Amino acid sequence: MEFYDLKAETPQGKEISMGDFKDKAVLVVNTATQCGLTPQFEGLEKLHQDYQAKGLVVLGFPCNQFMGQEPLSNDQMEESCKINHGVTFQLTKKVDVNGKDTHPVFKYLKDNLGGTFGKKIKWNFTKFLITPDGKPFKRYAPTTKPEKIEGDIKAILK
């Protein structure tokens, strides 16, 4: 199994193939609209705006597994991200990032890039950077601000 073999769905249920992102760097983030780290949406959007033309794709995977911090429906969550945080990067429908129903994208990323808690996701806004050739490059803690990832993004987009 490779990253490009995986799929997700938009909040409306339309399929997103990771294969569509071949030759692009991909930043995968588990998000939540009612988390103390929610202001990171602005930083993620800035990365999206600054680097999408250079080959960066930002994908937000909303998750309600951490203290119910994503209680909104898929449509409400998407609308909230646009209105309150200016998000234009792609969001998916809500997913699980831990447990028996872990979304395949997160299972793959956790298997390839362990963290402080082994293969578990610690909290919302855990980030994974994938190289343009589909290789998991680095995992970032929830508290790592998006602007701190910019150097790595520049390095792998060369």
N, C-alpha and C. Protein backbone atom coordinates (compact mmCIF):
# COMPACT_ATOMS: atom_id res chain seq x y z
N MET A 1 0.85 -1.19 0.00
CA MET A 1 0.00 0.00 0.00
C MET A 1 0.89 1.24 0.00
N GLU A 2 0.54 2.17 -0.87
CA GLU A 2 1.24 3.44 -0.94
C GLU A 2 0.25 4.56 -0.62
N PHE A 3 0.78 5.74 -0.32
CA PHE A 3 -0.08 6.89 -0.03
C PHE A 3 -1.03 7.14 -1.19
N TYR A 4 -0.53 7.01 -2.42
CA TYR A 4 -1.34 7.32 -3.60
C TYR A 4 -2.47 6.32 -3.83
N ASP A 5 -2.46 5.19 -3.14
CA ASP A 5 -3.54 4.20 -3.26
C ASP A 5 -4.74 4.56 -2.38
N LEU A 6 -4.57 5.51 -1.48
CA LEU A 6 -5.61 5.82 -0.49
C LEU A 6 -6.64 6.80 -1.04
N LYS A 7 -7.78 6.81 -0.35
CA LYS A 7 -8.88 7.69 -0.74
C LYS A 7 -9.51 8.30 0.51
N ALA A 8 -10.22 9.40 0.30
CA ALA A 8 -11.01 10.03 1.36
C ALA A 8 -12.28 10.55 0.69
N GLU A 9 -13.11 11.25 1.45
CA GLU A 9 -14.32 11.83 0.89
C GLU A 9 -14.45 13.28 1.33
N THR A 10 -15.00 14.09 0.43
CA THR A 10 -15.31 15.48 0.78
C THR A 10 -16.44 15.47 1.81
N PRO A 11 -16.72 16.61 2.45
CA PRO A 11 -17.86 16.65 3.37
C PRO A 11 -19.19 16.25 2.71
N GLN A 12 -19.27 16.38 1.40
CA GLN A 12 -20.49 16.01 0.68
C GLN A 12 -20.46 14.55 0.18
N GLY A 13 -19.38 13.83 0.46
CA GLY A 13 -19.30 12.42 0.10
C GLY A 13 -18.67 12.13 -1.24
N LYS A 14 -18.09 13.13 -1.91
CA LYS A 14 -17.40 12.91 -3.18
C LYS A 14 -16.00 12.37 -2.91
N GLU A 15 -15.60 11.38 -3.69
CA GLU A 15 -14.31 10.74 -3.47
C GLU A 15 -13.14 11.67 -3.80
N ILE A 16 -12.12 11.60 -2.94
CA ILE A 16 -10.84 12.28 -3.16
C ILE A 16 -9.79 11.18 -3.22
N SER A 17 -9.09 11.07 -4.34
CA SER A 17 -8.03 10.08 -4.47
C SER A 17 -6.70 10.74 -4.16
N MET A 18 -5.92 10.14 -3.28
CA MET A 18 -4.60 10.67 -2.99
C MET A 18 -3.72 10.58 -4.24
N GLY A 19 -4.07 9.69 -5.15
CA GLY A 19 -3.34 9.58 -6.42
C GLY A 19 -3.42 10.85 -7.25
N ASP A 20 -4.45 11.68 -7.00
CA ASP A 20 -4.55 12.96 -7.70
C ASP A 20 -3.45 13.93 -7.29
N PHE A 21 -2.73 13.61 -6.21
CA PHE A 21 -1.72 14.51 -5.68
C PHE A 21 -0.30 14.04 -5.98
N LYS A 22 -0.16 13.14 -6.96
CA LYS A 22 1.18 12.71 -7.36
C LYS A 22 1.99 13.94 -7.77
N ASP A 23 3.25 13.94 -7.41
CA ASP A 23 4.19 15.02 -7.70
C ASP A 23 3.90 16.29 -6.93
N LYS A 24 3.09 16.20 -5.88
CA LYS A 24 2.83 17.35 -5.01
C LYS A 24 3.19 16.97 -3.58
N ALA A 25 3.60 17.96 -2.79
CA ALA A 25 3.76 17.74 -1.36
C ALA A 25 2.37 17.83 -0.74
N VAL A 26 2.08 16.98 0.23
CA VAL A 26 0.77 16.97 0.86
C VAL A 26 0.95 17.13 2.37
N LEU A 27 0.20 18.07 2.94
CA LEU A 27 0.18 18.27 4.38
C LEU A 27 -1.18 17.80 4.88
N VAL A 28 -1.19 16.70 5.62
CA VAL A 28 -2.41 16.11 6.17
C VAL A 28 -2.52 16.54 7.63
N VAL A 29 -3.69 17.06 8.00
CA VAL A 29 -3.91 17.57 9.36
C VAL A 29 -5.26 17.09 9.87
N ASN A 30 -5.30 16.56 11.11
CA ASN A 30 -6.61 16.29 11.70
C ASN A 30 -7.05 17.57 12.42
N THR A 31 -8.22 18.05 12.06
CA THR A 31 -8.68 19.37 12.50
C THR A 31 -9.92 19.29 13.39
N ALA A 32 -10.24 20.41 14.01
CA ALA A 32 -11.47 20.54 14.80
C ALA A 32 -11.78 22.03 14.92
N THR A 33 -13.06 22.37 14.82
CA THR A 33 -13.46 23.78 14.84
C THR A 33 -13.61 24.36 16.24
N GLN A 34 -13.62 23.52 17.28
CA GLN A 34 -13.83 24.03 18.63
C GLN A 34 -12.72 23.58 19.57
N CYS A 35 -11.51 23.68 19.10
CA CYS A 35 -10.31 23.27 19.83
C CYS A 35 -9.50 24.52 20.16
N GLY A 36 -8.73 24.46 21.22
CA GLY A 36 -7.85 25.58 21.55
C GLY A 36 -6.82 25.85 20.46
N LEU A 37 -6.56 24.87 19.62
CA LEU A 37 -5.59 25.02 18.54
C LEU A 37 -6.24 25.45 17.22
N THR A 38 -7.56 25.68 17.23
CA THR A 38 -8.30 26.05 16.03
C THR A 38 -7.71 27.27 15.31
N PRO A 39 -7.10 28.25 16.01
CA PRO A 39 -6.47 29.36 15.26
C PRO A 39 -5.43 28.90 14.24
N GLN A 40 -4.96 27.66 14.33
CA GLN A 40 -4.00 27.16 13.33
C GLN A 40 -4.61 27.09 11.94
N PHE A 41 -5.94 27.10 11.83
CA PHE A 41 -6.56 27.12 10.50
C PHE A 41 -6.00 28.27 9.67
N GLU A 42 -5.80 29.44 10.29
CA GLU A 42 -5.28 30.59 9.55
C GLU A 42 -3.88 30.31 9.01
N GLY A 43 -3.03 29.71 9.83
CA GLY A 43 -1.68 29.38 9.39
C GLY A 43 -1.66 28.32 8.30
N LEU A 44 -2.55 27.34 8.43
CA LEU A 44 -2.66 26.31 7.38
C LEU A 44 -3.13 26.93 6.07
N GLU A 45 -4.09 27.85 6.16
CA GLU A 45 -4.58 28.53 4.96
C GLU A 45 -3.47 29.37 4.32
N LYS A 46 -2.64 30.00 5.15
CA LYS A 46 -1.53 30.79 4.62
C LYS A 46 -0.55 29.89 3.86
N LEU A 47 -0.23 28.74 4.43
CA LEU A 47 0.64 27.79 3.71
C LEU A 47 0.00 27.39 2.38
N HIS A 48 -1.29 27.12 2.43
CA HIS A 48 -2.03 26.76 1.21
C HIS A 48 -1.92 27.87 0.16
N GLN A 49 -2.17 29.10 0.57
CA GLN A 49 -2.12 30.23 -0.37
C GLN A 49 -0.71 30.45 -0.90
N ASP A 50 0.28 30.36 -0.01
CA ASP A 50 1.66 30.66 -0.41
C ASP A 50 2.31 29.58 -1.26
N TYR A 51 1.89 28.32 -1.09
CA TYR A 51 2.61 27.22 -1.73
C TYR A 51 1.80 26.33 -2.67
N GLN A 52 0.52 26.57 -2.80
CA GLN A 52 -0.26 25.69 -3.69
C GLN A 52 0.24 25.77 -5.14
N ALA A 53 0.62 26.94 -5.60
CA ALA A 53 1.10 27.07 -6.98
C ALA A 53 2.47 26.40 -7.16
N LYS A 54 3.18 26.17 -6.04
CA LYS A 54 4.49 25.52 -6.09
C LYS A 54 4.38 24.01 -5.87
N GLY A 55 3.14 23.53 -5.61
CA GLY A 55 2.95 22.08 -5.48
C GLY A 55 2.56 21.57 -4.12
N LEU A 56 2.05 22.41 -3.22
CA LEU A 56 1.59 21.94 -1.91
C LEU A 56 0.08 21.77 -1.91
N VAL A 57 -0.36 20.65 -1.34
CA VAL A 57 -1.78 20.40 -1.10
C VAL A 57 -1.96 20.28 0.41
N VAL A 58 -2.89 21.06 0.96
CA VAL A 58 -3.24 20.95 2.38
C VAL A 58 -4.57 20.23 2.46
N LEU A 59 -4.63 19.16 3.25
CA LEU A 59 -5.86 18.40 3.45
C LEU A 59 -6.22 18.39 4.93
N GLY A 60 -7.39 18.90 5.26
CA GLY A 60 -7.88 18.89 6.63
C GLY A 60 -8.87 17.76 6.83
N PHE A 61 -8.59 16.90 7.80
CA PHE A 61 -9.45 15.78 8.14
C PHE A 61 -10.09 16.06 9.50
N PRO A 62 -11.31 16.60 9.54
CA PRO A 62 -11.97 16.89 10.82
C PRO A 62 -12.17 15.61 11.63
N CYS A 63 -12.00 15.75 12.94
CA CYS A 63 -12.10 14.61 13.84
C CYS A 63 -12.78 15.05 15.14
N ASN A 64 -13.69 14.23 15.63
CA ASN A 64 -14.43 14.54 16.87
C ASN A 64 -14.01 13.61 18.00
N GLN A 65 -12.83 13.01 17.93
CA GLN A 65 -12.41 12.04 18.93
C GLN A 65 -11.74 12.66 20.16
N PHE A 66 -11.49 13.94 20.15
CA PHE A 66 -10.78 14.57 21.26
C PHE A 66 -11.70 15.55 21.96
N MET A 67 -12.31 15.09 23.03
CA MET A 67 -13.22 15.90 23.85
C MET A 67 -14.35 16.54 23.04
N GLY A 68 -14.80 15.87 21.99
CA GLY A 68 -15.94 16.35 21.22
C GLY A 68 -15.74 17.72 20.60
N GLN A 69 -14.50 18.01 20.16
CA GLN A 69 -14.19 19.36 19.67
C GLN A 69 -14.56 19.58 18.21
N GLU A 70 -15.16 18.58 17.58
CA GLU A 70 -15.72 18.77 16.24
C GLU A 70 -17.15 18.22 16.22
N PRO A 71 -18.07 18.90 16.93
CA PRO A 71 -19.44 18.41 17.04
C PRO A 71 -20.33 18.75 15.85
N LEU A 72 -19.85 19.62 14.97
CA LEU A 72 -20.68 20.08 13.86
C LEU A 72 -20.86 18.99 12.81
N SER A 73 -21.94 19.08 12.05
CA SER A 73 -22.12 18.17 10.92
C SER A 73 -21.05 18.51 9.88
N ASN A 74 -20.87 17.63 8.91
CA ASN A 74 -19.87 17.87 7.87
C ASN A 74 -20.10 19.20 7.17
N ASP A 75 -21.35 19.48 6.78
CA ASP A 75 -21.65 20.74 6.09
C ASP A 75 -21.43 21.95 6.99
N GLN A 76 -21.87 21.86 8.26
CA GLN A 76 -21.68 22.99 9.19
C GLN A 76 -20.20 23.24 9.45
N MET A 77 -19.44 22.16 9.60
CA MET A 77 -18.00 22.28 9.85
C MET A 77 -17.32 22.97 8.68
N GLU A 78 -17.64 22.57 7.47
CA GLU A 78 -17.03 23.17 6.29
C GLU A 78 -17.38 24.66 6.21
N GLU A 79 -18.63 24.99 6.44
CA GLU A 79 -19.08 26.39 6.42
C GLU A 79 -18.38 27.20 7.51
N SER A 80 -18.28 26.65 8.71
CA SER A 80 -17.61 27.33 9.82
C SER A 80 -16.15 27.62 9.49
N CYS A 81 -15.48 26.66 8.88
CA CYS A 81 -14.06 26.86 8.52
C CYS A 81 -13.91 27.97 7.49
N LYS A 82 -14.82 28.04 6.53
CA LYS A 82 -14.76 29.10 5.51
C LYS A 82 -15.05 30.46 6.12
N ILE A 83 -16.15 30.56 6.86
CA ILE A 83 -16.59 31.86 7.39
C ILE A 83 -15.67 32.35 8.51
N ASN A 84 -15.34 31.49 9.46
CA ASN A 84 -14.59 31.92 10.64
C ASN A 84 -13.08 31.93 10.47
N HIS A 85 -12.58 31.16 9.51
CA HIS A 85 -11.12 31.02 9.39
C HIS A 85 -10.61 31.23 7.97
N GLY A 86 -11.49 31.51 7.01
CA GLY A 86 -11.07 31.77 5.64
C GLY A 86 -10.52 30.56 4.91
N VAL A 87 -10.88 29.36 5.36
CA VAL A 87 -10.32 28.13 4.78
C VAL A 87 -10.82 27.91 3.36
N THR A 88 -9.87 27.76 2.44
CA THR A 88 -10.20 27.38 1.07
C THR A 88 -9.54 26.05 0.70
N PHE A 89 -8.63 25.54 1.56
CA PHE A 89 -8.02 24.25 1.25
C PHE A 89 -9.05 23.13 1.47
N GLN A 90 -8.77 21.97 0.91
CA GLN A 90 -9.72 20.85 0.92
C GLN A 90 -9.90 20.27 2.31
N LEU A 91 -11.15 20.14 2.72
CA LEU A 91 -11.51 19.43 3.93
C LEU A 91 -12.20 18.13 3.53
N THR A 92 -12.12 17.15 4.42
CA THR A 92 -12.80 15.88 4.18
C THR A 92 -14.00 15.79 5.11
N LYS A 93 -14.77 14.73 4.96
CA LYS A 93 -15.80 14.49 5.96
C LYS A 93 -15.11 14.02 7.23
N LYS A 94 -15.83 14.10 8.35
CA LYS A 94 -15.24 13.74 9.64
C LYS A 94 -14.77 12.29 9.63
N VAL A 95 -13.63 12.08 10.29
CA VAL A 95 -13.01 10.75 10.34
C VAL A 95 -12.54 10.46 11.77
N ASP A 96 -12.27 9.18 12.02
CA ASP A 96 -11.58 8.77 13.24
C ASP A 96 -10.10 8.65 12.90
N VAL A 97 -9.25 9.09 13.83
CA VAL A 97 -7.81 9.00 13.62
C VAL A 97 -7.17 7.99 14.55
N ASN A 98 -7.93 7.48 15.51
CA ASN A 98 -7.49 6.45 16.45
C ASN A 98 -8.59 5.39 16.56
N GLY A 99 -8.21 4.22 17.06
CA GLY A 99 -9.20 3.19 17.33
C GLY A 99 -9.51 2.29 16.14
N LYS A 100 -10.52 1.43 16.33
CA LYS A 100 -10.82 0.41 15.32
C LYS A 100 -11.32 0.98 14.01
N ASP A 101 -11.88 2.20 14.03
CA ASP A 101 -12.39 2.82 12.81
C ASP A 101 -11.46 3.89 12.24
N THR A 102 -10.17 3.78 12.56
CA THR A 102 -9.19 4.74 12.06
C THR A 102 -9.27 4.82 10.54
N HIS A 103 -9.33 6.05 10.03
CA HIS A 103 -9.36 6.25 8.58
C HIS A 103 -8.07 5.69 7.97
N PRO A 104 -8.15 5.05 6.80
CA PRO A 104 -6.96 4.46 6.17
C PRO A 104 -5.79 5.43 5.97
N VAL A 105 -6.07 6.69 5.68
CA VAL A 105 -4.97 7.66 5.51
C VAL A 105 -4.19 7.78 6.82
N PHE A 106 -4.90 7.84 7.94
CA PHE A 106 -4.20 7.98 9.22
C PHE A 106 -3.57 6.67 9.66
N LYS A 107 -4.17 5.55 9.34
CA LYS A 107 -3.54 4.27 9.65
C LYS A 107 -2.20 4.19 8.92
N TYR A 108 -2.20 4.52 7.64
CA TYR A 108 -0.98 4.50 6.84
C TYR A 108 0.07 5.45 7.41
N LEU A 109 -0.33 6.69 7.69
CA LEU A 109 0.63 7.68 8.18
C LEU A 109 1.18 7.31 9.55
N LYS A 110 0.32 6.83 10.44
CA LYS A 110 0.79 6.44 11.78
C LYS A 110 1.72 5.23 11.71
N ASP A 111 1.44 4.29 10.78
CA ASP A 111 2.32 3.12 10.62
C ASP A 111 3.70 3.55 10.13
N ASN A 112 3.76 4.63 9.35
CA ASN A 112 5.02 5.07 8.77
C ASN A 112 5.75 6.14 9.57
N LEU A 113 5.01 6.89 10.39
CA LEU A 113 5.62 7.96 11.18
C LEU A 113 5.03 7.93 12.58
N GLY A 114 5.67 7.19 13.46
CA GLY A 114 5.21 7.14 14.85
C GLY A 114 5.45 8.48 15.54
N GLY A 115 4.85 8.62 16.71
CA GLY A 115 5.01 9.86 17.46
C GLY A 115 5.29 9.58 18.92
N THR A 116 5.12 10.57 19.76
CA THR A 116 5.35 10.46 21.20
C THR A 116 4.55 9.33 21.81
N PHE A 117 3.32 9.15 21.32
CA PHE A 117 2.44 8.10 21.84
C PHE A 117 2.43 6.88 20.92
N GLY A 118 3.56 6.60 20.27
CA GLY A 118 3.64 5.48 19.35
C GLY A 118 2.83 5.79 18.11
N LYS A 119 1.88 4.91 17.82
CA LYS A 119 1.09 5.08 16.61
C LYS A 119 -0.20 5.86 16.87
N LYS A 120 -0.44 6.29 18.08
CA LYS A 120 -1.67 7.04 18.36
C LYS A 120 -1.51 8.52 18.00
N ILE A 121 -2.63 9.12 17.66
CA ILE A 121 -2.66 10.57 17.48
C ILE A 121 -2.96 11.16 18.85
N LYS A 122 -2.15 12.12 19.27
CA LYS A 122 -2.26 12.70 20.60
C LYS A 122 -3.45 13.66 20.72
N TRP A 123 -3.67 14.48 19.68
CA TRP A 123 -4.68 15.53 19.78
C TRP A 123 -4.97 16.10 18.39
N ASN A 124 -5.96 16.96 18.33
CA ASN A 124 -6.27 17.66 17.08
C ASN A 124 -5.05 18.46 16.60
N PHE A 125 -4.98 18.63 15.31
CA PHE A 125 -3.93 19.40 14.63
C PHE A 125 -2.57 18.71 14.63
N THR A 126 -2.57 17.37 14.74
CA THR A 126 -1.37 16.60 14.42
C THR A 126 -1.21 16.70 12.90
N LYS A 127 0.02 16.90 12.46
CA LYS A 127 0.26 17.15 11.04
C LYS A 127 1.26 16.14 10.48
N PHE A 128 1.05 15.76 9.22
CA PHE A 128 1.95 14.85 8.52
C PHE A 128 2.29 15.47 7.17
N LEU A 129 3.58 15.51 6.85
CA LEU A 129 4.02 16.03 5.56
C LEU A 129 4.49 14.86 4.69
N ILE A 130 3.97 14.82 3.47
CA ILE A 130 4.29 13.77 2.51
C ILE A 130 5.04 14.40 1.35
N THR A 131 6.11 13.77 0.90
CA THR A 131 6.93 14.31 -0.19
C THR A 131 6.20 14.20 -1.52
N PRO A 132 6.67 14.93 -2.54
CA PRO A 132 6.04 14.84 -3.86
C PRO A 132 6.12 13.45 -4.50
N ASP A 133 6.97 12.57 -3.98
CA ASP A 133 6.98 11.20 -4.51
C ASP A 133 6.18 10.24 -3.62
N GLY A 134 5.36 10.81 -2.73
CA GLY A 134 4.42 10.01 -1.95
C GLY A 134 4.97 9.37 -0.69
N LYS A 135 6.15 9.79 -0.25
CA LYS A 135 6.76 9.20 0.94
C LYS A 135 6.44 10.05 2.19
N PRO A 136 5.99 9.42 3.27
CA PRO A 136 5.79 10.17 4.51
C PRO A 136 7.13 10.75 4.95
N PHE A 137 7.16 12.05 5.17
CA PHE A 137 8.41 12.76 5.45
C PHE A 137 8.57 13.07 6.93
N LYS A 138 7.56 13.68 7.54
CA LYS A 138 7.70 14.10 8.93
C LYS A 138 6.33 14.26 9.57
N ARG A 139 6.30 13.96 10.87
CA ARG A 139 5.10 14.14 11.70
C ARG A 139 5.36 15.30 12.65
N TYR A 140 4.33 16.13 12.83
CA TYR A 140 4.46 17.31 13.69
C TYR A 140 3.42 17.26 14.80
N ALA A 141 3.84 17.70 15.97
CA ALA A 141 2.95 17.72 17.14
C ALA A 141 1.79 18.69 16.92
N PRO A 142 0.68 18.48 17.63
CA PRO A 142 -0.45 19.40 17.53
C PRO A 142 -0.08 20.86 17.80
N THR A 143 0.85 21.07 18.70
CA THR A 143 1.23 22.44 19.07
C THR A 143 2.20 23.09 18.08
N THR A 144 2.73 22.32 17.13
CA THR A 144 3.62 22.89 16.12
C THR A 144 2.81 23.80 15.21
N LYS A 145 3.15 25.08 15.22
CA LYS A 145 2.42 26.04 14.41
C LYS A 145 2.74 25.82 12.93
N PRO A 146 1.76 26.02 12.06
CA PRO A 146 2.00 25.79 10.63
C PRO A 146 3.21 26.52 10.07
N GLU A 147 3.47 27.74 10.54
CA GLU A 147 4.61 28.49 10.00
C GLU A 147 5.94 27.81 10.32
N LYS A 148 5.98 26.98 11.36
CA LYS A 148 7.21 26.25 11.71
C LYS A 148 7.50 25.12 10.73
N ILE A 149 6.52 24.75 9.92
CA ILE A 149 6.67 23.67 8.95
C ILE A 149 7.15 24.21 7.61
N GLU A 150 7.10 25.51 7.44
CA GLU A 150 7.40 26.13 6.14
C GLU A 150 8.76 25.75 5.59
N GLY A 151 9.77 25.69 6.44
CA GLY A 151 11.12 25.32 5.97
C GLY A 151 11.16 23.92 5.37
N ASP A 152 10.47 22.98 6.02
CA ASP A 152 10.41 21.62 5.49
C ASP A 152 9.65 21.58 4.17
N ILE A 153 8.58 22.36 4.07
CA ILE A 153 7.81 22.42 2.83
C ILE A 153 8.69 22.93 1.69
N LYS A 154 9.41 24.01 1.95
CA LYS A 154 10.31 24.55 0.93
C LYS A 154 11.35 23.52 0.51
N ALA A 155 11.89 22.81 1.50
CA ALA A 155 12.95 21.83 1.21
C ALA A 155 12.46 20.69 0.31
N ILE A 156 11.24 20.21 0.54
CA ILE A 156 10.78 19.06 -0.26
C ILE A 156 10.14 19.48 -1.59
N LEU A 157 9.84 20.77 -1.74
CA LEU A 157 9.27 21.25 -3.00
C LEU A 157 10.33 21.58 -4.04
N LYS A 158 11.59 21.48 -3.69
CA LYS A 158 12.67 21.83 -4.63
C LYS A 158 12.72 20.86 -5.78
